[in-house]
Amino acid sequence: MTESELDPNPQNEQTLLEGLHWESGDAEIRISYSNINQLIDLELFMSTSRSLPNASLTLCDRFDGKIGIVDLVGNHSGVPIHSQNYGTLLVNLAIQTIHFFYGLDTTSPEKHQVRIFGRISHNDAPTQEPGRTRDINMRINFWQRFGFRVDNPESIGPKIWATLDQLSQLDRGVTPAGIPTTLCLSNFSLIKP
């Protein structure tokens, strides 16, 4: 299989178009895909109000085995869910979702063909010391723990990248809401049956 032949699995793509969700207590996670703008959204809701997610991670299918990380928001310093493993939960689910999207299992040799890339945003980092350098280093370390490489970490918006076979999920136990950080995609159900 050449890189240009790596396409989403049609059945799994349809499943993501319909949407997946997992719910427990006041927590809900939704995963959905739009084939119009090629965005995969992973959204975490932490209350009975489901209008805006508390944290979200957005991926973009750039075709031919390229996935862009558009944004991970809602878990930055200064918000109540900061450093409580919700970002880890969303990235772990994103890794699983990418496997699912392409129909790859953990032993698929094609995993090295799926390239994931993005930039670390420092927009909501503290603007002054003390705190700014520590916050930026925490963000860089966060992505590196999954296996991402960081180019020019001292730059504004350093690039992160990895191939799918280089990424690993992290087990950080459970979040304060009792959600395992290694929550398995197989525990999700269709939003639109």
Foldseek 3Di string as FASTA:
>chain_A
DDLQPQAFDVVLLVLQQLWKWDDDDQWMWIWHADPVQQKIKIFIDRGVDPPHGQWIWIWHPPHSQEIETEDTDNQAPPHPNHPQLPSLLRVLVVLQSSCSRRVHDLPDPCQQSHKYKYWDALVPFDPDPPGRVVRLVVSQVVLVVQQWDWDPSVDHGTMTMDGSNRGDRDFPQAGPVGHTSNDHPVNIDGPRD
